C-alpha atoms as a PDB file:
ATOM      1  CA  MET A   1      -0.078   0.042  -0.137  1.00  0.00           C
ATOM      2  CA  GLY A   2       1.348   3.141  -1.101  1.00  0.00           C
ATOM      3  CA  SER A   3       1.130   6.700   0.864  1.00  0.00           C
ATOM      4  CA  SER A   4      -2.397   8.267   1.433  1.00  0.00           C
ATOM      5  CA  ILE A   5      -3.433  11.060  -1.021  1.00  0.00           C
ATOM      6  CA  ARG A   6      -4.882  14.118   0.684  1.00  0.00           C
ATOM      7  CA  LYS A   7      -7.988  15.637  -1.224  1.00  0.00           C
ATOM      8  CA  ASN A   8     -10.949  17.870  -0.927  1.00  0.00           C
ATOM      9  CA  SER A   9     -14.265  17.424  -2.537  1.00  0.00           C
ATOM     10  CA  ASN A  10     -18.085  17.498  -1.755  1.00  0.00           C
ATOM     11  CA  GLY A  11     -17.595  19.640   1.164  1.00  0.00           C
ATOM     12  CA  PHE A  12     -15.091  17.411   3.040  1.00  0.00           C
ATOM     13  CA  GLU A  13     -11.188  17.040   3.276  1.00  0.00           C
ATOM     14  CA  TYR A  14     -10.049  13.579   3.317  1.00  0.00           C
ATOM     15  CA  ALA A  15      -7.018  11.039   2.816  1.00  0.00           C
ATOM     16  CA  LEU A  16      -7.288   8.502   0.443  1.00  0.00           C
ATOM     17  CA  PHE A  17      -5.627   5.090   0.698  1.00  0.00           C
ATOM     18  CA  PRO A  18      -5.630   4.107  -2.950  1.00  0.00           C
ATOM     19  CA  ALA A  19      -6.557   0.142  -3.479  1.00  0.00           C
ATOM     20  CA  ALA A  20      -3.162  -1.971  -3.956  1.00  0.00           C
ATOM     21  CA  THR A  21      -4.713  -3.542  -7.115  1.00  0.00           C
ATOM     22  CA  GLY A  22      -5.500   0.062  -8.549  1.00  0.00           C
ATOM     23  CA  LYS A  23      -8.937  -1.157  -9.574  1.00  0.00           C
ATOM     24  CA  PRO A  24     -10.962  -0.566  -6.443  1.00  0.00           C
ATOM     25  CA  LYS A  25     -14.201  -3.191  -6.062  1.00  0.00           C
ATOM     26  CA  TYR A  26     -14.928  -1.828  -2.751  1.00  0.00           C
ATOM     27  CA  LEU A  27     -14.876   1.476  -0.741  1.00  0.00           C
ATOM     28  CA  VAL A  28     -14.315   1.867   3.134  1.00  0.00           C
ATOM     29  CA  ILE A  29     -15.158   5.193   4.617  1.00  0.00           C
ATOM     30  CA  TYR A  30     -13.320   5.653   8.207  1.00  0.00           C
ATOM     31  CA  MET A  31     -14.832   8.442  10.556  1.00  0.00           C
ATOM     32  CA  HIS A  32     -12.740   9.530  13.394  1.00  0.00           C
ATOM     33  CA  GLY A  33     -13.822  10.684  16.878  1.00  0.00           C
ATOM     34  CA  VAL A  34     -14.078  13.880  18.411  1.00  0.00           C
ATOM     35  CA  GLY A  35     -10.486  15.561  18.401  1.00  0.00           C
ATOM     36  CA  GLY A  36      -9.284  13.489  15.386  1.00  0.00           C
ATOM     37  CA  ASN A  37      -8.329  13.949  11.882  1.00  0.00           C
ATOM     38  CA  ALA A  38      -7.961  12.487   8.525  1.00  0.00           C
ATOM     39  CA  ASP A  39      -4.216  11.843   9.258  1.00  0.00           C
ATOM     40  CA  ASN A  40      -4.485   9.318  11.922  1.00  0.00           C
ATOM     41  CA  LEU A  41      -5.216   6.019   9.882  1.00  0.00           C
ATOM     42  CA  ASP A  42      -1.981   4.774   8.382  1.00  0.00           C
ATOM     43  CA  ASP A  43      -1.707   1.556  10.598  1.00  0.00           C
ATOM     44  CA  THR A  44      -5.704   0.915  10.428  1.00  0.00           C
ATOM     45  CA  ALA A  45      -5.546   1.352   6.613  1.00  0.00           C
ATOM     46  CA  LYS A  46      -2.838  -1.199   5.874  1.00  0.00           C
ATOM     47  CA  GLU A  47      -4.765  -3.767   8.111  1.00  0.00           C
ATOM     48  CA  ILE A  48      -7.819  -3.228   6.207  1.00  0.00           C
ATOM     49  CA  GLN A  49      -6.203  -3.362   2.885  1.00  0.00           C
ATOM     50  CA  LYS A  50      -4.410  -6.754   3.908  1.00  0.00           C
ATOM     51  CA  ARG A  51      -7.689  -8.261   3.872  1.00  0.00           C
ATOM     52  CA  LEU A  52      -9.124  -6.005   1.204  1.00  0.00           C
ATOM     53  CA  PRO A  53      -6.301  -5.241  -1.336  1.00  0.00           C
ATOM     54  CA  ASP A  54      -8.930  -4.223  -3.691  1.00  0.00           C
ATOM     55  CA  ALA A  55     -10.437  -1.676  -1.712  1.00  0.00           C
ATOM     56  CA  ASP A  56     -10.221   2.086  -1.595  1.00  0.00           C
ATOM     57  CA  VAL A  57     -10.260   3.384   1.935  1.00  0.00           C
ATOM     58  CA  ILE A  58     -10.907   7.009   2.762  1.00  0.00           C
ATOM     59  CA  SER A  59     -10.279   8.558   5.910  1.00  0.00           C
ATOM     60  CA  LEU A  60     -12.904  11.197   6.126  1.00  0.00           C
ATOM     61  CA  GLN A  61     -12.303  14.498   8.061  1.00  0.00           C
ATOM     62  CA  ALA A  62     -15.137  16.106  10.201  1.00  0.00           C
ATOM     63  CA  PRO A  63     -15.929  19.511   9.199  1.00  0.00           C
ATOM     64  CA  THR A  64     -15.592  21.860  12.197  1.00  0.00           C
ATOM     65  CA  GLU A  65     -12.089  22.478  13.782  1.00  0.00           C
ATOM     66  CA  LEU A  66     -12.035  22.576  17.663  1.00  0.00           C
ATOM     67  CA  LYS A  67     -10.537  25.541  18.539  1.00  0.00           C
ATOM     68  CA  GLY A  68      -7.363  25.788  20.679  1.00  0.00           C
ATOM     69  CA  LEU A  69      -6.858  21.697  20.363  1.00  0.00           C
ATOM     70  CA  GLU A  70      -3.571  22.475  18.394  1.00  0.00           C
ATOM     71  CA  ALA A  71      -1.976  24.527  20.863  1.00  0.00           C
ATOM     72  CA  MET A  72      -2.327  21.604  23.450  1.00  0.00           C
ATOM     73  CA  THR A  73      -1.746  18.446  21.335  1.00  0.00           C
ATOM     74  CA  GLY A  74       0.443  19.878  18.462  1.00  0.00           C
ATOM     75  CA  GLU A  75      -2.171  18.838  15.732  1.00  0.00           C
ATOM     76  CA  LYS A  76      -5.583  20.036  14.621  1.00  0.00           C
ATOM     77  CA  GLY A  77      -8.781  18.203  15.814  1.00  0.00           C
ATOM     78  CA  TYR A  78     -12.161  18.142  14.480  1.00  0.00           C
ATOM     79  CA  THR A  79     -15.658  17.248  15.372  1.00  0.00           C
ATOM     80  CA  TRP A  80     -18.841  16.254  13.549  1.00  0.00           C
ATOM     81  CA  PHE A  81     -21.309  17.963  15.389  1.00  0.00           C
ATOM     82  CA  PRO A  82     -20.942  20.808  18.293  1.00  0.00           C
ATOM     83  CA  TYR A  83     -19.083  19.778  21.401  1.00  0.00           C
ATOM     84  CA  ASP A  84     -18.021  21.931  24.202  1.00  0.00           C
ATOM     85  CA  GLY A  85     -18.445  25.570  24.261  1.00  0.00           C
ATOM     86  CA  ALA A  86     -21.811  27.234  24.544  1.00  0.00           C
ATOM     87  CA  LEU A  87     -24.344  25.145  26.055  1.00  0.00           C
ATOM     88  CA  ALA A  88     -27.436  25.961  24.013  1.00  0.00           C
ATOM     89  CA  PRO A  89     -26.044  24.776  20.780  1.00  0.00           C
ATOM     90  CA  GLN A  90     -24.866  21.318  22.399  1.00  0.00           C
ATOM     91  CA  VAL A  91     -28.497  21.060  23.968  1.00  0.00           C
ATOM     92  CA  LYS A  92     -29.872  21.625  20.460  1.00  0.00           C
ATOM     93  CA  THR A  93     -27.761  19.214  18.571  1.00  0.00           C
ATOM     94  CA  TRP A  94     -28.393  16.289  21.192  1.00  0.00           C
ATOM     95  CA  LEU A  95     -32.132  17.179  20.818  1.00  0.00           C
ATOM     96  CA  LYS A  96     -31.851  16.527  17.063  1.00  0.00           C
ATOM     97  CA  HIS A  97     -29.809  13.728  17.670  1.00  0.00           C
ATOM     98  CA  ILE A  98     -32.584  12.164  19.673  1.00  0.00           C
ATOM     99  CA  PHE A  99     -35.633  13.016  17.573  1.00  0.00           C
ATOM    100  CA  ASN A 100     -34.141  13.645  14.059  1.00  0.00           C
ATOM    101  CA  ARG A 101     -31.546  12.737  11.699  1.00  0.00           C
ATOM    102  CA  LEU A 102     -28.506  15.289  11.929  1.00  0.00           C
ATOM    103  CA  THR A 103     -27.693  17.359   8.972  1.00  0.00           C
ATOM    104  CA  ILE A 104     -23.919  16.206   8.942  1.00  0.00           C
ATOM    105  CA  ALA A 105     -25.529  12.445   8.185  1.00  0.00           C
ATOM    106  CA  ASP A 106     -26.835  13.678   4.884  1.00  0.00           C
ATOM    107  CA  LYS A 107     -23.689  15.474   3.891  1.00  0.00           C
ATOM    108  CA  VAL A 108     -21.663  12.250   4.780  1.00  0.00           C
ATOM    109  CA  GLU A 109     -24.323  10.029   2.681  1.00  0.00           C
ATOM    110  CA  ALA A 110     -23.906  12.487  -0.254  1.00  0.00           C
ATOM    111  CA  PHE A 111     -20.335  12.318  -0.027  1.00  0.00           C
ATOM    112  CA  ALA A 112     -20.311   8.602  -0.187  1.00  0.00           C
ATOM    113  CA  LYS A 113     -22.675   8.456  -3.194  1.00  0.00           C
ATOM    114  CA  ALA A 114     -20.347  10.716  -5.025  1.00  0.00           C
ATOM    115  CA  GLU A 115     -17.082   8.571  -4.230  1.00  0.00           C
ATOM    116  CA  LEU A 116     -19.069   5.598  -5.083  1.00  0.00           C
ATOM    117  CA  ASP A 117     -20.330   6.866  -8.624  1.00  0.00           C
ATOM    118  CA  LYS A 118     -16.556   8.020  -9.350  1.00  0.00           C
ATOM    119  CA  ARG A 119     -15.714   4.474  -8.966  1.00  0.00           C
ATOM    120  CA  GLY A 120     -18.637   2.782 -10.700  1.00  0.00           C
ATOM    121  CA  LEU A 121     -19.511   1.344  -7.660  1.00  0.00           C
ATOM    122  CA  LYS A 122     -22.995   0.813  -5.606  1.00  0.00           C
ATOM    123  CA  GLU A 123     -23.633   1.128  -1.823  1.00  0.00           C
ATOM    124  CA  GLU A 124     -23.554  -2.753  -1.733  1.00  0.00           C
ATOM    125  CA  ASN A 125     -19.841  -2.026  -2.201  1.00  0.00           C
ATOM    126  CA  LEU A 126     -19.398   0.413   0.667  1.00  0.00           C
ATOM    127  CA  ALA A 127     -18.703  -0.159   4.372  1.00  0.00           C
ATOM    128  CA  TYR A 128     -18.201   2.578   7.307  1.00  0.00           C
ATOM    129  CA  PHE A 129     -15.854   2.021  10.241  1.00  0.00           C
ATOM    130  CA  GLY A 130     -16.730   4.783  12.726  1.00  0.00           C
ATOM    131  CA  ILE A 131     -15.008   5.736  16.053  1.00  0.00           C
ATOM    132  CA  SER A 132     -17.416   7.020  18.717  1.00  0.00           C
ATOM    133  CA  MET A 133     -18.731  10.384  17.579  1.00  0.00           C
ATOM    134  CA  GLY A 134     -17.916   9.174  14.148  1.00  0.00           C
ATOM    135  CA  ALA A 135     -19.630   5.986  14.617  1.00  0.00           C
ATOM    136  CA  ILE A 136     -22.821   7.709  15.795  1.00  0.00           C
ATOM    137  CA  VAL A 137     -22.827   9.823  12.488  1.00  0.00           C
ATOM    138  CA  ALA A 138     -21.955   6.487  10.387  1.00  0.00           C
ATOM    139  CA  LEU A 139     -24.864   4.978  11.861  1.00  0.00           C
ATOM    140  CA  GLN A 140     -27.274   7.766  11.375  1.00  0.00           C
ATOM    141  CA  ALA A 141     -26.023   8.154   7.790  1.00  0.00           C
ATOM    142  CA  THR A 142     -26.374   4.348   6.962  1.00  0.00           C
ATOM    143  CA  LEU A 143     -29.640   3.111   9.038  1.00  0.00           C
ATOM    144  CA  SER A 144     -31.827   5.985   7.742  1.00  0.00           C
ATOM    145  CA  GLY A 145     -30.045   6.258   4.369  1.00  0.00           C
ATOM    146  CA  LYS A 146     -31.750   5.938   0.999  1.00  0.00           C
ATOM    147  CA  SER A 147     -29.885   2.771  -0.018  1.00  0.00           C
ATOM    148  CA  GLU A 148     -28.483  -0.118   1.987  1.00  0.00           C
ATOM    149  CA  VAL A 149     -24.655  -0.222   2.297  1.00  0.00           C
ATOM    150  CA  ALA A 150     -22.870  -3.463   3.085  1.00  0.00           C
ATOM    151  CA  ALA A 151     -21.631  -3.081   6.590  1.00  0.00           C
ATOM    152  CA  VAL A 152     -21.034  -0.628   9.487  1.00  0.00           C
ATOM    153  CA  VAL A 153     -18.367  -1.031  12.214  1.00  0.00           C
ATOM    154  CA  SER A 154     -19.142   1.088  15.173  1.00  0.00           C
ATOM    155  CA  SER A 155     -16.376   1.399  17.860  1.00  0.00           C
ATOM    156  CA  GLY A 156     -17.653   3.238  20.851  1.00  0.00           C
ATOM    157  CA  GLY A 157     -20.600   4.610  18.903  1.00  0.00           C
ATOM    158  CA  THR A 158     -24.318   3.805  19.539  1.00  0.00           C
ATOM    159  CA  VAL A 159     -27.534   3.775  18.012  1.00  0.00           C
ATOM    160  CA  PRO A 160     -29.441   7.196  19.343  1.00  0.00           C
ATOM    161  CA  PRO A 161     -33.040   6.870  20.648  1.00  0.00           C
ATOM    162  CA  PHE A 162     -35.653   7.058  18.027  1.00  0.00           C
ATOM    163  CA  THR A 163     -33.455   6.605  15.189  1.00  0.00           C
ATOM    164  CA  THR A 164     -35.515   6.063  12.083  1.00  0.00           C
ATOM    165  CA  VAL A 165     -34.513   2.621  10.399  1.00  0.00           C
ATOM    166  CA  LYS A 166     -34.927   2.434   6.479  1.00  0.00           C
ATOM    167  CA  THR A 167     -32.032  -0.004   5.860  1.00  0.00           C
ATOM    168  CA  LYS A 168     -30.596  -2.941   7.502  1.00  0.00           C
ATOM    169  CA  PRO A 169     -27.003  -3.423   6.597  1.00  0.00           C
ATOM    170  CA  LYS A 170     -24.628  -5.661   8.694  1.00  0.00           C
ATOM    171  CA  ILE A 171     -23.686  -3.985  11.899  1.00  0.00           C
ATOM    172  CA  PHE A 172     -20.721  -4.751  14.268  1.00  0.00           C
ATOM    173  CA  LEU A 173     -21.082  -2.691  17.596  1.00  0.00           C
ATOM    174  CA  GLN A 174     -18.089  -2.516  20.107  1.00  0.00           C
ATOM    175  CA  MET A 175     -18.685  -0.778  23.246  1.00  0.00           C
ATOM    176  CA  GLY A 176     -17.929  -0.724  27.038  1.00  0.00           C
ATOM    177  CA  GLU A 177     -20.072  -1.528  29.619  1.00  0.00           C
ATOM    178  CA  PHE A 178     -21.524   1.942  29.944  1.00  0.00           C
ATOM    179  CA  ASP A 179     -21.030   5.592  28.838  1.00  0.00           C
ATOM    180  CA  ASP A 180     -19.493   7.720  31.466  1.00  0.00           C
ATOM    181  CA  LEU A 181     -21.493  10.737  30.357  1.00  0.00           C
ATOM    182  CA  PHE A 182     -24.857   9.061  30.271  1.00  0.00           C
ATOM    183  CA  HIS A 183     -24.617   6.086  32.620  1.00  0.00           C
ATOM    184  CA  VAL A 184     -27.611   5.677  35.099  1.00  0.00           C
ATOM    185  CA  PRO A 185     -26.311   3.233  37.990  1.00  0.00           C
ATOM    186  CA  PRO A 186     -29.029   0.380  38.885  1.00  0.00           C
ATOM    187  CA  HIS A 187     -31.838   1.548  41.190  1.00  0.00           C
ATOM    188  CA  LYS A 188     -32.290  -0.352  44.279  1.00  0.00           C
ATOM    189  CA  ASN A 189     -34.908   1.697  45.578  1.00  0.00           C
ATOM    190  CA  LYS A 190     -38.014  -0.054  44.519  1.00  0.00           C
ATOM    191  CA  GLY A 191     -40.181   2.901  44.747  1.00  0.00           C
ATOM    192  CA  LEU A 192     -42.651   4.332  41.688  1.00  0.00           C
ATOM    193  CA  LEU A 193     -40.558   7.495  41.270  1.00  0.00           C
ATOM    194  CA  SER A 194     -37.492   5.471  41.288  1.00  0.00           C
ATOM    195  CA  LYS A 195     -38.904   2.983  38.715  1.00  0.00           C
ATOM    196  CA  SER A 196     -40.323   5.429  36.554  1.00  0.00           C
ATOM    197  CA  PHE A 197     -37.039   7.493  36.328  1.00  0.00           C
ATOM    198  CA  ALA A 198     -35.078   4.144  35.499  1.00  0.00           C
ATOM    199  CA  ARG A 199     -37.532   3.453  32.635  1.00  0.00           C
ATOM    200  CA  VAL A 200     -37.208   6.932  31.109  1.00  0.00           C
ATOM    201  CA  ALA A 201     -33.326   6.592  31.215  1.00  0.00           C
ATOM    202  CA  ASP A 202     -33.364   3.369  29.701  1.00  0.00           C
ATOM    203  CA  LYS A 203     -35.204   4.730  26.792  1.00  0.00           C
ATOM    204  CA  PHE A 204     -32.977   7.828  26.319  1.00  0.00           C
ATOM    205  CA  GLY A 205     -29.806   5.922  27.401  1.00  0.00           C
ATOM    206  CA  ILE A 206     -26.757   5.242  24.967  1.00  0.00           C
ATOM    207  CA  GLN A 207     -25.214   2.381  26.892  1.00  0.00           C
ATOM    208  CA  HIS A 208     -24.429  -0.854  24.577  1.00  0.00           C
ATOM    209  CA  GLU A 209     -27.340  -2.728  25.519  1.00  0.00           C
ATOM    210  CA  HIS A 210     -29.550  -0.040  24.724  1.00  0.00           C
ATOM    211  CA  ALA A 211     -28.280   0.120  21.026  1.00  0.00           C
ATOM    212  CA  VAL A 212     -28.609  -3.492  20.750  1.00  0.00           C
ATOM    213  CA  LYS A 213     -32.165  -3.443  21.981  1.00  0.00           C
ATOM    214  CA  ARG A 214     -33.140  -0.907  19.510  1.00  0.00           C
ATOM    215  CA  LEU A 215     -31.708  -2.956  16.747  1.00  0.00           C
ATOM    216  CA  GLN A 216     -33.578  -5.916  18.047  1.00  0.00           C
ATOM    217  CA  LYS A 217     -36.770  -4.159  18.264  1.00  0.00           C
ATOM    218  CA  ARG A 218     -36.457  -3.319  14.621  1.00  0.00           C
ATOM    219  CA  ALA A 219     -35.953  -6.981  13.523  1.00  0.00           C
ATOM    220  CA  PHE A 220     -32.255  -6.612  12.929  1.00  0.00           C
ATOM    221  CA  PRO A 221     -30.847 -10.352  12.866  1.00  0.00           C
END
């Protein structure tokens, strides 16, 4: 596998790792987590292309730069949607997350379609590999997308509550026991209020088991 090629098209910057065969039959789109960028995929891309030598691998970069991160880490970091900063934009975004499809998911789907068309490929030749926030966006872009992709690998991502499911790609979910931000500990108190709170927390929770239940309810195998 050769070096990555930096590109900018269809509203995104990205790093392209061309297929070793020179004639891609598959496309893998990698989406980093919050604070990442398109330049952190070399080792992972090599592993993917060992198994799929005829796959183009794209490391897609989120569109919004996290200000001040470069001074702390020495490199620029990006986010897929508002994270940190003023509270109001974050709340608005998370409400969209819960009840609607995020705008960024539409943009990612449009980008993927354009890249497939360039190669003469269909959605059945496309897979996503998302990390954390990138995985959440990848799941939204695919589950409620116009056409079914081959597969989605979600590492540390989840299926938000009330996600509209129109397609059923193969999904691999990798996640810890709970998310530190939204984890609700088991309730020992058996009172009515405690039980009611626990039921609401389960509905909106983003733990691994919640994502699995949401997919099972929608008849995923």
